[in-house]
Amino acid sequence: MKYLIITVCVLGSAVNGYVTVPTVTTGLTNNVVDTQTPQKVSINMDIGTPDAISRLAISGMTLDLHNEPANYDHVVMPGFNGPHPKLSSGVKKLDLLKQGEFVSLAGAKTVRALKGCWEMVWKKDSPAGALVCGFEIPEQYQRNEALLMPGRIYLSFPVWTKDTLAFARAEKERVLAKATEALREKDEMMEKYVSDPNPFMKALHYRNAYAAAEKFYRQPVNAVRAVPDSDEVFQLQDDLFCTTKGTIWRKALPRGQSVLLGSASLKPLPQ
């Protein structure tokens, strides 16, 4: 969730004052969720930081997302039970059809996930929201040094409307084009700096290369790279698209810091 919000904020600031960023209101979010038909999905989880050697790969979790309220014992959710509950769609029912599992030297082991539910959170004036699933992990799971501790975990997947996704992709294309041009200019100036024997011209070429590098670093490249391509989203409804790549994290509610546990992938399944 933390990384999604950073991406959205940078994307919005990149064009602030030049164009109107498409956004979604909380009321529309609630309407979208209330009219959502049941959606069956498969989730794979990859526990571990990006630079870790050991990974805990949990695959095959299958669940059904429903639009009815979760009127049962479920985990607290970061949107509805956080500092800004009005940004949440409310906690919705989730049926866990199949637990995930991982393979260790001892063989396949099932990962129990309890008290599951979901919500949609859409920060005010953001072009993207998030579909968030929550679970309680009752025991520790480990593969080599990769570890999933007991406690609540959350899985977040960015969601978009047609307009906000089209806008984000156009902005991604614009930013990457400007960044590529800045790098080309920097490389050209550095080649001239190396080959030009005139010390005064060398200084000029170096200054121009530095200016081009500054142009590159002013572009929110990492932020726009998080905007999904067409093969990284699927359609939840006519005007709602879900990203297939997400994050796994935990947080002490309501105002604790988010701790990144790993990444997740989501795939729609036929009902």
Protein backbone atom coordinates (compact mmCIF):
# COMPACT_ATOMS: atom_id res chain seq x y z
CA MET A 1 0.00 0.00 0.00
CA LYS A 2 2.78 2.39 0.93
CA TYR A 3 4.38 1.98 -2.50
CA LEU A 4 1.09 2.38 -4.35
CA ILE A 5 0.41 5.72 -2.65
CA ILE A 6 3.92 6.97 -3.45
CA THR A 7 3.43 6.05 -7.10
CA VAL A 8 0.09 7.81 -7.34
CA CYS A 9 1.30 10.97 -5.64
CA VAL A 10 4.35 11.29 -7.90
CA LEU A 11 2.27 10.60 -10.99
CA GLY A 12 -0.12 13.37 -10.04
CA SER A 13 2.63 15.85 -9.20
CA ALA A 14 4.41 15.15 -12.48
CA VAL A 15 1.64 16.88 -14.40
CA ASN A 16 0.29 19.25 -11.79
CA GLY A 17 -0.64 22.57 -13.34
CA TYR A 18 -0.66 21.27 -16.93
CA VAL A 19 -3.54 18.79 -17.24
CA THR A 20 -6.42 17.54 -15.15
CA VAL A 21 -5.68 14.17 -13.60
CA PRO A 22 -8.72 11.83 -13.78
CA THR A 23 -9.81 10.78 -10.29
CA VAL A 24 -12.49 8.71 -8.60
CA THR A 25 -14.73 9.70 -5.70
CA THR A 26 -15.35 7.52 -2.64
CA GLY A 27 -19.04 7.35 -3.52
CA LEU A 28 -18.23 5.89 -6.91
CA THR A 29 -15.91 3.37 -5.28
CA ASN A 30 -18.72 2.18 -3.04
CA ASN A 31 -21.07 1.88 -6.02
CA VAL A 32 -18.51 -0.11 -7.98
CA VAL A 33 -17.98 -2.57 -5.13
CA ASP A 34 -21.70 -2.89 -4.33
CA THR A 35 -22.43 -3.89 -7.93
CA GLN A 36 -19.41 -6.19 -8.24
CA THR A 37 -20.34 -9.72 -9.28
CA PRO A 38 -18.45 -12.55 -7.51
CA GLN A 39 -14.91 -12.82 -8.82
CA LYS A 40 -12.81 -15.96 -8.45
CA VAL A 41 -9.05 -15.37 -8.42
CA SER A 42 -5.84 -17.29 -7.89
CA ILE A 43 -3.03 -15.71 -5.86
CA ASN A 44 0.66 -16.54 -5.64
CA MET A 45 2.86 -15.00 -2.96
CA ASP A 46 6.62 -14.45 -2.92
CA ILE A 47 7.83 -13.76 0.61
CA GLY A 48 11.19 -12.04 0.94
CA THR A 49 12.82 -8.69 0.28
CA PRO A 50 13.99 -7.97 -3.30
CA ASP A 51 17.65 -8.51 -2.41
CA ALA A 52 17.14 -11.69 -0.34
CA ILE A 53 18.60 -14.98 -1.59
CA SER A 54 16.03 -17.23 0.11
CA ARG A 55 12.41 -17.00 -1.02
CA LEU A 56 9.18 -18.46 0.31
CA ALA A 57 7.02 -19.03 -2.77
CA ILE A 58 3.40 -19.78 -1.85
CA SER A 59 1.22 -20.77 -4.78
CA GLY A 60 -2.29 -21.93 -5.59
CA MET A 61 -4.37 -19.88 -3.16
CA THR A 62 -7.85 -19.60 -4.67
CA LEU A 63 -10.61 -17.32 -3.40
CA ASP A 64 -13.95 -15.76 -4.28
CA LEU A 65 -14.56 -12.03 -3.78
CA HIS A 66 -18.18 -11.10 -2.98
CA ASN A 67 -19.88 -7.73 -2.63
CA GLU A 68 -21.78 -8.62 0.57
CA PRO A 69 -20.53 -7.29 3.92
CA ALA A 70 -18.22 -9.63 5.83
CA ASN A 71 -20.64 -10.48 8.65
CA TYR A 72 -18.28 -12.92 10.36
CA ASP A 73 -15.10 -12.88 12.42
CA HIS A 74 -12.52 -11.32 10.09
CA VAL A 75 -9.26 -9.43 10.36
CA VAL A 76 -9.31 -5.67 10.79
CA MET A 77 -8.60 -3.84 7.55
CA PRO A 78 -6.20 -0.93 6.91
CA GLY A 79 -8.81 1.16 5.11
CA PHE A 80 -12.00 0.64 7.09
CA ASN A 81 -10.19 0.30 10.43
CA GLY A 82 -7.51 2.87 9.66
CA PRO A 83 -7.41 6.64 10.16
CA HIS A 84 -9.56 7.36 7.06
CA PRO A 85 -12.41 4.81 6.99
CA LYS A 86 -14.47 6.89 4.52
CA LEU A 87 -11.93 6.03 1.81
CA SER A 88 -12.87 2.35 2.14
CA SER A 89 -15.67 0.50 0.40
CA GLY A 90 -16.34 -1.33 3.65
CA VAL A 91 -15.17 -4.82 4.55
CA LYS A 92 -16.52 -7.42 2.11
CA LYS A 93 -16.96 -11.18 2.14
CA LEU A 94 -14.19 -13.45 0.90
CA ASP A 95 -14.48 -17.22 0.46
CA LEU A 96 -11.15 -19.02 0.61
CA LEU A 97 -11.67 -21.97 -1.73
CA LYS A 98 -8.13 -23.38 -1.60
CA GLN A 99 -5.22 -22.68 0.70
CA GLY A 100 -1.83 -21.90 -0.79
CA GLU A 101 1.19 -24.15 -0.36
CA PHE A 102 4.96 -24.12 -0.72
CA VAL A 103 7.58 -26.80 -1.24
CA SER A 104 10.50 -27.34 1.12
CA LEU A 105 12.98 -30.19 1.65
CA ALA A 106 10.28 -31.90 3.72
CA GLY A 107 7.81 -31.74 0.81
CA ALA A 108 4.69 -29.65 0.13
CA LYS A 109 3.25 -27.73 3.06
CA THR A 110 -0.11 -25.94 3.23
CA VAL A 111 -0.16 -22.34 4.43
CA ARG A 112 -3.25 -21.69 6.52
CA ALA A 113 -4.86 -18.27 6.01
CA LEU A 114 -7.81 -17.46 8.27
CA LYS A 115 -10.42 -14.71 8.76
CA GLY A 116 -10.13 -13.53 5.15
CA CYS A 117 -11.95 -10.48 3.80
CA TRP A 118 -11.36 -7.67 1.31
CA GLU A 119 -12.01 -4.00 0.67
CA MET A 120 -11.36 -1.40 -1.99
CA VAL A 121 -9.57 1.76 -0.91
CA TRP A 122 -9.36 4.85 -3.09
CA LYS A 123 -7.46 7.83 -1.79
CA LYS A 124 -9.15 11.13 -2.55
CA ASP A 125 -8.00 12.69 -5.84
CA SER A 126 -5.82 9.69 -6.76
CA PRO A 127 -5.94 8.15 -10.25
CA ALA A 128 -5.57 4.64 -8.76
CA GLY A 129 -7.02 2.82 -5.81
CA ALA A 130 -6.27 -0.57 -4.30
CA LEU A 131 -8.01 -3.88 -3.87
CA VAL A 132 -6.84 -5.12 -0.47
CA CYS A 133 -7.24 -8.67 0.88
CA GLY A 134 -6.56 -9.41 4.53
CA PHE A 135 -5.80 -12.69 6.32
CA GLU A 136 -4.66 -14.01 9.69
CA ILE A 137 -1.65 -16.36 9.53
CA PRO A 138 -1.91 -18.57 12.64
CA GLU A 139 1.59 -20.07 12.64
CA GLN A 140 5.11 -19.57 11.35
CA TYR A 141 6.15 -20.81 7.89
CA GLN A 142 9.77 -20.98 6.80
CA ARG A 143 11.86 -22.09 3.84
CA ASN A 144 15.59 -21.71 4.47
CA GLU A 145 15.99 -18.11 5.70
CA ALA A 146 12.71 -16.87 4.18
CA LEU A 147 10.13 -16.51 6.93
CA LEU A 148 6.43 -15.70 7.23
CA MET A 149 5.65 -14.91 10.85
CA PRO A 150 2.21 -15.37 12.47
CA GLY A 151 -0.11 -12.36 12.40
CA ARG A 152 -2.18 -10.30 9.98
CA ILE A 153 -1.03 -9.86 6.41
CA TYR A 154 -2.46 -7.71 3.62
CA LEU A 155 -2.22 -8.12 -0.14
CA SER A 156 -2.74 -4.99 -2.26
CA PHE A 157 -3.35 -4.75 -6.00
CA PRO A 158 -3.78 -1.35 -7.72
CA VAL A 159 -7.13 -0.73 -9.45
CA TRP A 160 -7.97 1.78 -12.17
CA THR A 161 -10.86 3.09 -14.22
CA LYS A 162 -10.62 3.26 -18.02
CA ASP A 163 -9.90 7.00 -17.89
CA THR A 164 -7.32 6.91 -15.10
CA LEU A 165 -5.48 3.95 -16.63
CA ALA A 166 -5.39 5.59 -20.06
CA PHE A 167 -4.10 8.80 -18.48
CA ALA A 168 -1.44 6.96 -16.47
CA ARG A 169 -0.20 5.07 -19.52
CA ALA A 170 0.03 8.27 -21.55
CA GLU A 171 1.96 9.90 -18.72
CA LYS A 172 4.24 6.87 -18.48
CA GLU A 173 5.02 7.12 -22.20
CA ARG A 174 5.71 10.86 -21.92
CA VAL A 175 8.00 10.53 -18.89
CA LEU A 176 9.99 7.60 -20.30
CA ALA A 177 10.44 9.41 -23.62
CA LYS A 178 11.82 12.51 -21.86
CA ALA A 179 14.07 10.36 -19.67
CA THR A 180 15.42 8.47 -22.71
CA GLU A 181 16.15 11.72 -24.53
CA ALA A 182 17.94 13.12 -21.47
CA LEU A 183 20.16 10.01 -21.24
CA ARG A 184 20.93 10.20 -24.96
CA GLU A 185 21.92 13.85 -24.56
CA LYS A 186 24.10 13.05 -21.53
CA ASP A 187 25.93 10.26 -23.36
CA GLU A 188 26.48 12.49 -26.40
CA MET A 189 27.95 15.28 -24.25
CA MET A 190 30.22 12.84 -22.38
CA GLU A 191 31.56 11.49 -25.68
CA LYS A 192 32.37 15.05 -26.74
CA TYR A 193 33.95 15.69 -23.33
CA VAL A 194 36.27 12.70 -23.78
CA SER A 195 37.21 13.38 -27.41
CA ASP A 196 37.51 17.20 -27.47
CA PRO A 197 41.14 18.34 -26.83
CA ASN A 198 40.09 21.93 -26.05
CA PRO A 199 39.95 22.32 -22.22
CA PHE A 200 37.37 25.12 -22.46
CA MET A 201 35.11 23.00 -24.68
CA LYS A 202 35.64 20.05 -22.32
CA ALA A 203 34.26 22.15 -19.48
CA LEU A 204 31.26 23.15 -21.62
CA HIS A 205 30.54 19.54 -22.64
CA TYR A 206 30.80 18.39 -19.02
CA ARG A 207 28.39 21.10 -17.90
CA ASN A 208 25.93 20.10 -20.63
CA ALA A 209 26.22 16.43 -19.64
CA TYR A 210 25.54 17.35 -16.02
CA ALA A 211 22.48 19.39 -17.06
CA ALA A 212 21.15 16.45 -19.10
CA ALA A 213 21.64 14.13 -16.12
CA GLU A 214 19.66 16.58 -14.00
CA LYS A 215 16.84 16.44 -16.55
CA PHE A 216 16.81 12.66 -16.27
CA TYR A 217 16.67 12.62 -12.47
CA ARG A 218 13.80 15.11 -12.46
CA GLN A 219 11.62 12.59 -14.29
CA PRO A 220 9.59 10.22 -12.01
CA VAL A 221 10.83 7.16 -13.90
CA ASN A 222 10.43 4.64 -11.08
CA ALA A 223 6.92 5.85 -10.37
CA VAL A 224 5.60 5.57 -13.91
CA ARG A 225 7.20 2.17 -14.42
CA ALA A 226 4.69 0.90 -11.86
CA VAL A 227 1.85 1.78 -14.25
CA PRO A 228 0.71 -1.56 -15.71
CA ASP A 229 0.88 -2.50 -19.38
CA SER A 230 -2.08 -4.14 -21.10
CA ASP A 231 -0.91 -7.67 -20.21
CA GLU A 232 -0.64 -6.74 -16.52
CA VAL A 233 -4.30 -5.91 -15.86
CA PHE A 234 -7.63 -7.69 -16.10
CA GLN A 235 -11.14 -6.29 -16.24
CA LEU A 236 -13.20 -6.55 -13.06
CA GLN A 237 -16.10 -4.57 -14.52
CA ASP A 238 -16.79 -2.40 -17.56
CA ASP A 239 -15.00 0.55 -15.98
CA LEU A 240 -12.72 -1.13 -13.46
CA PHE A 241 -9.35 -2.79 -14.08
CA CYS A 242 -7.16 -4.60 -11.56
CA THR A 243 -3.38 -4.90 -11.76
CA THR A 244 -2.09 -8.47 -11.58
CA LYS A 245 1.05 -7.50 -9.63
CA GLY A 246 0.83 -6.42 -6.02
CA THR A 247 2.56 -6.30 -2.64
CA ILE A 248 2.31 -8.23 0.64
CA TRP A 249 2.69 -6.26 3.84
CA ARG A 250 1.64 -5.93 7.45
CA LYS A 251 0.79 -2.96 9.61
CA ALA A 252 -0.15 -2.24 13.21
CA LEU A 253 -3.51 -0.47 12.89
CA PRO A 254 -4.65 2.20 12.86
CA ARG A 255 -1.50 4.31 12.37
CA GLY A 256 1.49 1.97 12.38
CA GLN A 257 4.14 1.85 9.66
CA SER A 258 3.66 -0.54 6.75
CA VAL A 259 6.27 -3.33 6.60
CA LEU A 260 6.83 -4.87 3.17
CA LEU A 261 6.94 -8.69 3.25
CA GLY A 262 7.12 -9.49 -0.46
CA SER A 263 5.19 -9.45 -3.71
CA ALA A 264 2.02 -11.12 -4.97
CA SER A 265 0.48 -11.98 -8.32
CA LEU A 266 -3.22 -12.33 -9.03
CA LYS A 267 -5.01 -14.11 -11.88
CA PRO A 268 -8.75 -14.16 -12.62
CA LEU A 269 -10.42 -17.56 -12.85
CA PRO A 270 -13.71 -18.55 -14.47
CA GLN A 271 -16.64 -18.78 -12.05
